[in-house]
Protein backbone atom coordinates (compact mmCIF):
# COMPACT_ATOMS: atom_id res chain seq x y z
CA MET A 1 103.78 133.07 123.65
CA LYS A 2 105.36 135.41 126.26
CA ASN A 3 104.81 132.85 129.05
CA LEU A 4 106.74 130.29 127.01
CA THR A 5 110.03 132.21 127.40
CA LYS A 6 109.57 132.59 131.20
CA GLN A 7 109.13 128.88 131.87
CA PRO A 8 112.33 126.80 132.30
CA ILE A 9 112.75 124.02 129.76
CA VAL A 10 114.45 121.82 132.39
CA SER A 11 114.49 122.55 136.14
CA ARG A 12 117.79 122.20 138.00
CA ASN A 13 116.42 119.70 140.51
CA ILE A 14 115.78 117.11 137.78
CA LEU A 15 118.88 117.79 135.69
CA LEU A 16 120.66 114.45 136.42
CA PRO A 17 117.63 112.23 135.64
CA PHE A 18 116.96 114.37 132.56
CA MET A 19 120.54 113.83 131.37
CA LEU A 20 120.30 110.06 131.91
CA ILE A 21 117.01 109.86 130.01
CA THR A 22 118.49 112.03 127.26
CA SER A 23 121.43 109.61 126.97
CA LEU A 24 118.89 107.01 125.85
CA PHE A 25 118.02 109.20 122.86
CA ALA A 26 121.67 109.04 121.83
CA LEU A 27 121.75 105.31 122.56
CA TRP A 28 118.98 104.42 120.10
CA GLY A 29 120.52 106.87 117.61
CA ILE A 30 123.68 104.73 117.64
CA ALA A 31 121.65 101.59 116.93
CA ASN A 32 119.63 103.23 114.15
CA ASP A 33 122.58 104.56 112.19
CA LEU A 34 124.88 101.67 112.86
CA THR A 35 122.18 99.56 111.18
CA ASN A 36 121.31 101.80 108.18
CA PRO A 37 124.49 100.91 106.20
CA MET A 38 123.96 97.22 106.92
CA VAL A 39 121.54 96.94 103.98
CA SER A 40 124.45 97.74 101.68
CA ALA A 41 126.97 95.76 103.78
CA PHE A 42 124.97 92.51 103.80
CA LYS A 43 124.34 92.86 100.05
CA LYS A 44 128.13 92.94 99.52
CA VAL A 45 128.94 90.13 101.97
CA MET A 46 126.05 88.00 100.68
CA PRO A 47 125.71 88.92 96.98
CA GLU A 48 123.04 86.25 96.53
CA LEU A 49 120.60 88.63 98.29
CA SER A 50 118.41 90.85 96.10
CA ASN A 51 117.96 94.55 96.97
CA THR A 52 114.54 93.71 98.39
CA GLN A 53 115.94 90.90 100.56
CA ALA A 54 118.79 93.08 101.83
CA SER A 55 116.27 95.78 102.80
CA LEU A 56 114.69 93.24 105.19
CA VAL A 57 117.40 94.45 107.59
CA GLN A 58 115.32 97.59 108.04
CA PHE A 59 112.06 95.62 108.13
CA ALA A 60 113.34 93.43 110.98
CA PHE A 61 114.81 96.43 112.80
CA TYR A 62 111.76 98.70 112.66
CA PHE A 63 109.08 96.03 112.90
CA GLY A 64 110.18 95.51 116.51
CA TYR A 65 108.82 98.98 117.30
CA PHE A 66 105.39 98.09 115.94
CA PHE A 67 105.34 94.73 117.73
CA MET A 68 106.42 95.91 121.18
CA ALA A 69 105.18 99.50 121.51
CA LEU A 70 101.70 98.70 122.86
CA PRO A 71 102.91 96.01 125.31
CA ALA A 72 105.50 98.55 126.50
CA ALA A 73 102.81 101.19 127.04
CA LEU A 74 100.64 98.74 128.99
CA PHE A 75 103.67 97.79 131.08
CA ILE A 76 104.56 101.36 132.09
CA ARG A 77 100.88 102.13 132.66
CA LYS A 78 100.80 99.36 135.28
CA TYR A 79 104.27 99.86 136.75
CA SER A 80 106.47 102.91 136.12
CA TYR A 81 108.53 104.78 133.56
CA LYS A 82 111.77 103.64 135.20
CA SER A 83 110.75 99.97 135.09
CA GLY A 84 109.96 100.35 131.39
CA ILE A 85 113.39 101.84 130.73
CA LEU A 86 115.14 98.96 132.52
CA VAL A 87 113.19 96.33 130.55
CA GLY A 88 114.02 98.16 127.33
CA LEU A 89 117.72 98.28 128.09
CA THR A 90 117.72 94.56 128.95
CA LEU A 91 116.16 93.62 125.60
CA TYR A 92 118.52 96.02 123.80
CA ALA A 93 121.57 94.30 125.32
CA ILE A 94 120.25 90.79 124.60
CA GLY A 95 119.64 91.64 120.94
CA ALA A 96 123.13 93.11 120.59
CA PHE A 97 124.78 90.05 122.14
CA LEU A 98 122.82 87.74 119.80
CA PHE A 99 125.01 89.02 116.97
CA TYR A 100 127.77 86.70 118.22
CA PRO A 101 125.91 83.40 117.53
CA ALA A 102 124.44 84.93 114.33
CA ALA A 103 127.96 85.51 113.00
CA LYS A 104 129.05 82.01 114.01
CA PHE A 105 126.15 80.37 112.18
CA GLU A 106 126.60 82.75 109.20
CA THR A 107 122.84 82.89 108.67
CA PHE A 108 121.16 86.09 107.46
CA ASN A 109 117.88 85.27 109.23
CA TYR A 110 119.66 85.03 112.59
CA PHE A 111 120.95 88.58 112.13
CA LEU A 112 117.39 89.68 111.40
CA ILE A 113 116.19 88.06 114.65
CA SER A 114 118.96 89.83 116.59
CA LEU A 115 117.94 93.19 115.14
CA TRP A 116 114.29 92.51 115.95
CA VAL A 117 115.06 91.73 119.62
CA MET A 118 117.14 94.91 119.85
CA THR A 119 114.29 97.05 118.60
CA CYS A 120 111.80 95.42 120.92
CA GLY A 121 114.02 97.00 123.57
CA LEU A 122 114.15 100.29 121.69
CA ALA A 123 110.34 100.28 121.53
CA PHE A 124 110.27 100.16 125.34
CA LEU A 125 112.78 103.01 125.52
CA GLU A 126 110.98 105.26 123.04
CA THR A 127 107.50 104.54 124.40
CA THR A 128 108.80 105.42 127.86
CA SER A 129 111.30 108.22 127.33
CA ASN A 130 109.31 110.51 125.03
CA PRO A 131 106.23 110.98 127.27
CA LEU A 132 108.47 111.09 130.36
CA ILE A 133 110.42 114.01 128.90
CA LEU A 134 107.12 115.77 128.09
CA ALA A 135 105.97 115.27 131.70
CA LEU A 136 109.20 116.54 133.34
CA GLY A 137 108.24 120.20 133.47
CA PRO A 138 105.65 122.78 132.43
CA LYS A 139 103.21 121.89 129.64
CA GLU A 140 104.05 125.18 127.90
CA THR A 141 107.62 124.03 127.20
CA ALA A 142 106.90 120.32 126.67
CA THR A 143 107.49 120.29 122.88
CA GLN A 144 110.63 122.43 123.34
CA ARG A 145 111.89 120.04 126.01
CA LEU A 146 111.33 117.03 123.76
CA ASN A 147 113.13 118.75 120.89
CA LEU A 148 116.03 119.47 123.28
CA ALA A 149 116.24 115.81 124.36
CA GLN A 150 115.86 114.64 120.76
CA ALA A 151 118.72 116.97 119.76
CA PHE A 152 121.07 114.44 121.38
CA ASN A 153 119.72 111.66 119.17
CA PRO A 154 121.76 112.86 116.14
CA ILE A 155 124.92 112.76 118.27
CA GLY A 156 124.30 109.06 118.76
CA SER A 157 123.47 108.75 115.07
CA LEU A 158 126.77 110.37 114.08
CA THR A 159 128.58 107.95 116.39
CA GLY A 160 126.76 105.00 114.80
CA MET A 161 127.62 106.20 111.28
CA ILE A 162 131.30 106.61 112.05
CA ILE A 163 131.48 103.21 113.77
CA ALA A 164 129.75 101.64 110.76
CA GLN A 165 132.22 103.22 108.32
CA VAL A 166 135.47 102.80 110.25
CA PHE A 167 134.90 99.48 112.00
CA ILE A 168 132.62 97.71 109.52
CA ILE A 169 132.54 99.03 105.95
CA ASP A 170 136.27 99.87 105.76
CA ALA A 171 137.11 96.50 107.34
CA LEU A 172 135.01 94.33 105.02
CA ARG A 173 137.08 92.24 102.63
CA SER A 174 134.16 91.62 100.26
CA VAL A 175 134.05 95.30 99.21
CA ASP A 176 137.47 94.89 97.57
CA PHE A 177 135.92 92.73 94.85
CA THR A 178 133.47 93.44 92.06
CA GLU A 179 130.46 91.11 92.02
CA ASP A 180 131.95 89.09 89.14
CA ALA A 181 135.40 88.88 90.78
CA TYR A 182 133.81 87.77 94.06
CA GLN A 183 131.85 85.02 92.31
CA ALA A 184 135.05 83.87 90.55
CA LEU A 185 136.75 83.07 93.88
CA SER A 186 137.06 79.46 95.04
CA SER A 187 134.53 78.19 97.59
CA LEU A 188 137.23 78.14 100.31
CA GLU A 189 138.26 81.75 99.59
CA MET A 190 134.62 82.85 99.58
CA ALA A 191 133.93 81.07 102.87
CA ALA A 192 136.96 82.72 104.54
CA ILE A 193 135.90 86.18 103.39
CA ARG A 194 132.31 85.64 104.51
CA GLU A 195 133.41 84.38 107.94
CA ASN A 196 135.68 87.38 108.38
CA ASP A 197 133.10 89.93 107.25
CA LEU A 198 130.23 88.60 109.36
CA SER A 199 132.52 88.65 112.37
CA VAL A 200 133.44 92.27 111.55
CA ILE A 201 129.74 93.18 111.43
CA SER A 202 129.01 91.56 114.80
CA VAL A 203 131.79 93.11 116.93
CA PRO A 204 130.41 96.71 117.16
CA TYR A 205 126.99 95.39 118.18
CA ILE A 206 128.52 93.29 120.96
CA ALA A 207 130.45 96.35 122.18
CA LEU A 208 127.22 98.35 122.07
CA GLY A 209 125.58 95.72 124.27
CA LEU A 210 128.28 96.28 126.91
CA LEU A 211 127.68 100.07 126.78
CA VAL A 212 123.97 99.48 127.30
CA LEU A 213 124.68 97.47 130.45
CA ILE A 214 126.79 100.31 131.87
CA ILE A 215 124.03 102.89 131.27
CA MET A 216 121.46 100.50 132.75
CA ALA A 217 123.54 100.22 135.94
CA ALA A 218 123.64 104.03 136.24
CA ILE A 219 119.86 104.33 135.80
CA MET A 220 119.23 101.65 138.41
CA VAL A 221 120.99 103.65 141.16
CA VAL A 222 119.60 107.12 140.32
CA LYS A 223 116.28 108.17 141.81
CA PHE A 224 113.79 109.35 139.20
CA PRO A 225 111.37 112.21 140.01
CA LYS A 226 107.68 111.45 140.35
CA VAL A 227 105.79 112.89 137.42
CA GLU A 228 102.37 114.47 137.75
CA SER A 229 99.91 111.72 138.56
CA HIS A 230 96.68 111.38 136.64
CA SER A 231 93.55 109.47 137.50
CA LYS A 232 93.65 106.04 135.93
CA ILE A 233 90.89 105.57 133.39
CA ALA A 234 89.71 102.31 131.88
CA LEU A 235 91.76 101.08 128.95
CA SER A 236 88.69 100.90 126.70
CA LYS A 237 87.88 104.54 127.51
CA THR A 238 91.48 105.51 126.73
CA PHE A 239 91.20 103.98 123.25
CA LYS A 240 87.88 105.78 122.68
CA ILE A 241 89.38 109.13 123.68
CA LEU A 242 92.34 108.60 121.36
CA ALA A 243 90.12 107.45 118.48
CA LYS A 244 88.10 110.70 118.70
CA ASN A 245 91.22 112.89 118.78
CA LYS A 246 91.72 113.89 115.11
CA THR A 247 95.05 115.60 115.79
CA TYR A 248 96.37 112.43 117.40
CA ILE A 249 95.15 110.11 114.61
CA THR A 250 96.57 112.29 111.84
CA GLY A 251 99.75 112.68 113.91
CA VAL A 252 100.25 108.91 113.98
CA ILE A 253 99.83 108.80 110.19
CA ALA A 254 102.25 111.70 109.69
CA GLN A 255 104.76 110.04 112.02
CA MET A 256 104.64 106.80 110.04
CA PHE A 257 105.41 108.64 106.80
CA TYR A 258 108.12 110.75 108.43
CA VAL A 259 110.00 107.78 109.87
CA GLY A 260 109.75 106.00 106.52
CA ALA A 261 111.29 109.03 104.81
CA GLN A 262 114.10 109.29 107.33
CA ILE A 263 115.11 105.65 107.04
CA MET A 264 114.88 105.64 103.26
CA CYS A 265 117.03 108.76 102.91
CA TRP A 266 119.70 107.51 105.31
CA THR A 267 119.71 103.95 103.99
CA PHE A 268 119.54 104.31 100.22
CA ILE A 269 122.02 107.17 100.01
CA PHE A 270 124.57 104.31 99.83
CA GLN A 271 122.94 102.94 96.68
CA TYR A 272 122.62 106.45 95.23
CA VAL A 273 126.35 107.03 95.72
CA ASP A 274 127.20 103.57 94.33
CA ASN A 275 125.31 104.51 91.17
CA LEU A 276 127.25 107.79 90.87
CA ASN A 277 130.53 105.94 91.46
CA ALA A 278 129.83 103.62 88.52
CA ALA A 279 130.57 106.52 86.18
CA LEU A 280 133.55 107.92 88.12
CA PRO A 281 137.24 106.95 87.89
CA ALA A 282 138.77 105.13 90.87
CA ASN A 283 140.49 108.24 92.23
CA ASP A 284 137.23 110.22 92.29
CA GLN A 285 135.05 107.64 94.05
CA LEU A 286 132.67 109.04 96.67
CA THR A 287 132.18 107.63 100.18
CA ALA A 288 128.49 107.55 101.08
CA THR A 289 129.10 107.52 104.84
CA TRP A 290 130.72 110.94 104.83
CA TYR A 291 127.74 112.40 102.99
CA ASN A 292 125.52 110.74 105.58
CA VAL A 293 127.65 112.32 108.31
CA GLY A 294 127.12 115.69 106.64
CA ALA A 295 123.39 114.98 106.57
CA MET A 296 123.46 114.15 110.27
CA LEU A 297 125.33 117.36 111.12
CA LEU A 298 122.60 119.30 109.32
CA PHE A 299 120.02 117.21 111.17
CA LEU A 300 121.66 118.07 114.49
CA ALA A 301 121.87 121.77 113.58
CA GLY A 302 118.21 121.71 112.57
CA ARG A 303 117.20 120.21 115.93
CA TRP A 304 118.95 122.98 117.87
CA LEU A 305 117.70 125.67 115.49
CA GLY A 306 114.17 124.30 115.74
CA THR A 307 114.26 124.19 119.56
CA LEU A 308 115.33 127.85 119.68
CA SER A 309 112.87 128.92 116.96
CA MET A 310 109.92 127.47 118.87
CA LYS A 311 110.27 130.28 121.39
CA ARG A 312 108.81 132.59 118.72
CA ILE A 313 107.27 130.33 116.07
CA SER A 314 104.55 127.79 116.76
CA PRO A 315 105.67 124.14 116.35
CA ALA A 316 102.93 123.48 113.76
CA LYS A 317 104.00 126.41 111.56
CA LEU A 318 107.65 125.37 111.77
CA LEU A 319 106.69 121.80 110.87
CA PHE A 320 104.83 123.03 107.78
CA VAL A 321 107.78 125.14 106.60
CA PHE A 322 110.27 122.32 107.13
CA GLY A 323 107.93 119.89 105.36
CA ILE A 324 107.82 122.11 102.26
CA GLY A 325 111.64 122.33 102.36
CA GLY A 326 111.83 118.51 102.39
CA VAL A 327 109.48 118.28 99.40
CA ILE A 328 111.71 120.63 97.37
CA THR A 329 115.00 118.83 98.16
CA THR A 330 113.63 115.36 97.41
CA MET A 331 112.16 116.64 94.12
CA ILE A 332 115.66 117.72 93.08
CA THR A 333 117.04 114.28 94.00
CA VAL A 334 114.40 112.52 91.88
CA PHE A 335 114.15 114.76 88.82
CA VAL A 336 117.59 116.42 88.60
CA GLY A 337 119.86 113.73 90.05
CA GLY A 338 123.64 113.66 89.73
CA HIS A 339 125.79 115.41 92.31
CA LEU A 340 123.17 118.14 92.81
CA GLY A 341 120.66 115.42 93.64
CA LEU A 342 123.10 114.01 96.20
CA TYR A 343 123.59 117.41 97.84
CA SER A 344 119.82 117.87 97.96
CA LEU A 345 119.42 114.44 99.51
CA VAL A 346 121.89 115.47 102.21
CA ALA A 347 120.03 118.77 102.72
CA THR A 348 116.76 116.89 103.27
CA SER A 349 118.05 115.96 106.73
CA LEU A 350 117.98 119.62 107.78
CA PHE A 351 114.24 119.72 107.09
CA MET A 352 113.58 116.32 108.70
CA SER A 353 115.32 117.39 111.91
CA ILE A 354 112.37 118.67 113.96
CA MET A 355 109.73 116.35 112.54
CA PHE A 356 109.70 113.39 114.94
CA PRO A 357 109.61 115.29 118.26
CA THR A 358 107.33 118.01 116.90
CA ILE A 359 104.75 115.56 115.55
CA TYR A 360 105.05 113.70 118.87
CA GLY A 361 104.56 116.81 120.98
CA ILE A 362 101.62 118.12 118.92
CA SER A 363 99.90 114.73 118.92
CA LEU A 364 100.12 114.22 122.71
CA ASN A 365 99.39 117.84 123.63
CA ASN A 366 97.01 118.28 126.60
CA MET A 367 96.70 114.54 127.24
CA GLY A 368 96.53 113.05 130.72
CA ASP A 369 96.96 109.39 131.56
CA GLU A 370 96.02 108.43 128.00
CA ALA A 371 99.38 109.85 126.87
CA LYS A 372 101.04 106.54 127.85
CA ILE A 373 98.88 104.58 125.42
CA GLY A 374 98.97 107.45 122.93
CA SER A 375 102.73 107.29 123.01
CA ALA A 376 102.53 103.64 121.96
CA GLY A 377 100.61 104.57 118.82
CA LEU A 378 103.28 107.09 117.84
CA VAL A 379 106.05 104.56 118.46
CA MET A 380 104.13 101.92 116.51
CA ALA A 381 104.11 104.43 113.65
CA ILE A 382 107.86 103.79 113.40
CA VAL A 383 106.74 100.73 111.41
CA GLY A 384 106.95 103.13 108.45
CA GLY A 385 110.69 102.54 108.71
CA ALA A 386 110.06 98.80 108.27
CA LEU A 387 107.63 98.91 105.35
CA LEU A 388 108.70 101.78 103.12
CA PRO A 389 112.40 100.83 102.70
CA VAL A 390 111.30 97.39 101.43
CA LEU A 391 109.06 99.15 98.90
CA GLN A 392 111.99 101.36 97.87
CA GLY A 393 114.18 98.25 97.51
CA SER A 394 111.57 96.73 95.20
CA ILE A 395 111.73 99.85 93.00
CA LEU A 396 115.50 99.31 92.74
CA ASP A 397 114.83 95.75 91.54
CA ILE A 398 112.55 96.88 88.67
CA GLY A 399 115.20 96.36 85.99
CA GLY A 400 117.54 93.99 87.81
CA SER A 401 120.02 93.92 90.69
CA GLY A 402 121.76 97.14 89.60
CA PHE A 403 120.72 100.71 90.39
CA SER A 404 120.28 102.03 86.86
CA ASP A 405 119.02 98.99 84.93
CA ALA A 406 115.85 100.81 83.92
CA LYS A 407 115.13 104.48 83.18
CA ILE A 408 111.84 105.91 84.43
CA LEU A 409 110.30 108.51 82.09
CA GLY A 410 113.20 107.74 79.78
CA TYR A 411 115.94 109.43 81.84
CA ILE A 412 115.52 108.84 85.61
CA PRO A 413 117.56 105.88 86.98
CA GLU A 414 115.68 103.50 89.29
CA VAL A 415 117.70 104.60 92.31
CA ASN A 416 116.80 108.27 91.73
CA PHE A 417 113.14 107.51 91.09
CA SER A 418 112.94 105.44 94.28
CA PHE A 419 113.23 108.70 96.26
CA ILE A 420 109.73 109.58 95.06
CA LEU A 421 108.65 107.76 98.24
CA PRO A 422 110.42 110.18 100.64
CA LEU A 423 109.01 113.04 98.54
CA ILE A 424 105.46 111.80 99.16
CA CYS A 425 106.26 111.36 102.86
CA MET A 426 107.49 114.95 103.17
CA ALA A 427 104.27 116.18 101.55
CA VAL A 428 102.19 114.26 104.11
CA VAL A 429 104.14 115.83 107.01
CA ALA A 430 103.78 119.31 105.51
CA LEU A 431 100.02 118.77 105.20
CA PHE A 432 99.81 117.70 108.87
CA GLY A 433 101.69 120.84 109.92
CA TYR A 434 99.45 123.03 107.76
CA LYS A 435 96.18 121.55 109.09
CA THR A 436 97.39 121.79 112.70
CA MET A 437 98.47 125.40 112.15
CA LYS A 438 95.06 126.28 110.69
CA HIS A 439 93.32 124.56 113.60
CA GLU A 440 95.41 126.52 116.15
CA ASN A 441 94.70 129.79 114.37
CA ALA A 442 90.99 129.04 114.36
């Protein structure tokens, strides 16, 4: 552990490329958290959608990771990390610009296609950037370095949340009406509101596409360092090596559950707050976005705290402790509820903060060339963010389209009980941390 403090996390000679790669972590953070509130936004703009149908926003968004991660890994295995990043940014920009025709046609499925194309690009970026960060320096500080780079992801997430609130949610005309009042409008009034609101949703994505092009231009002109070369092994042998690596296999499973928990907590906090607001007077109404911003600030603080703590505490032990913390906070959200449940839901983000990069670093530890394909498996695990939110949306639909139509165990509203899924996910991550810690000690 003493050697760990002597090794630099990032060398000065690669600082500029490191900063550019790190900017990508913020870039996909913007996309992630600009999209999370869209489940609630589309439900308001298109009230004919059920909670399950609205949650397809997250399915389309995160399924792109599963679909494109392995092709991305094969691409960078044949060519280079930089080429993979440029392809990813191109797909990202195309998906963002597709929001313009989607808004013009006013078709929900077209928005889903746009999100899917975007995340095909994000799959390239994540499959490329994470192992590249691990390779840019000593192995002893690889997990620290990835946590440092990932610490900039919440900055992008905060930006995405604020853009979503200020430029989308606050600008939607459909939120000014109750569901009954909206349905009572004439067809012409409804059509005008829908046209306005879908246009409002599309503009930030188009602007994001322009930002992506600017960053892509900067990456094209900067020379990237050559990472340590490894002997190329046959693809079939790579898969066999990975299949025999128990830490890697369990890491992929833990990553899938973690990502599912993250997306569920940051998406369905809007429905949780809407349920609380139903019992509050107009002057005391809560704004879910600001609670999500608070969650992201805790997430950011946790990333920095975790990066510093790993100088003295093993990543596996820290992951176990944070996993237990996440189990406790989600239990309070499910079984206690109310405002305390909301505060606990916000606090869950502190414990989720180190999970993605730490699981990633542990799973790819001591890998050679197979890390490129191994990275694909961990990015494919992001499919948890596609599948689990749809399952949570179906729990919300148990009693009807509302959030408290049925009471589980006689007193728990559907929306509260739906957070049993993140609770289970946190337990899985804690178990992975515990088993890895025991293995290291042995």
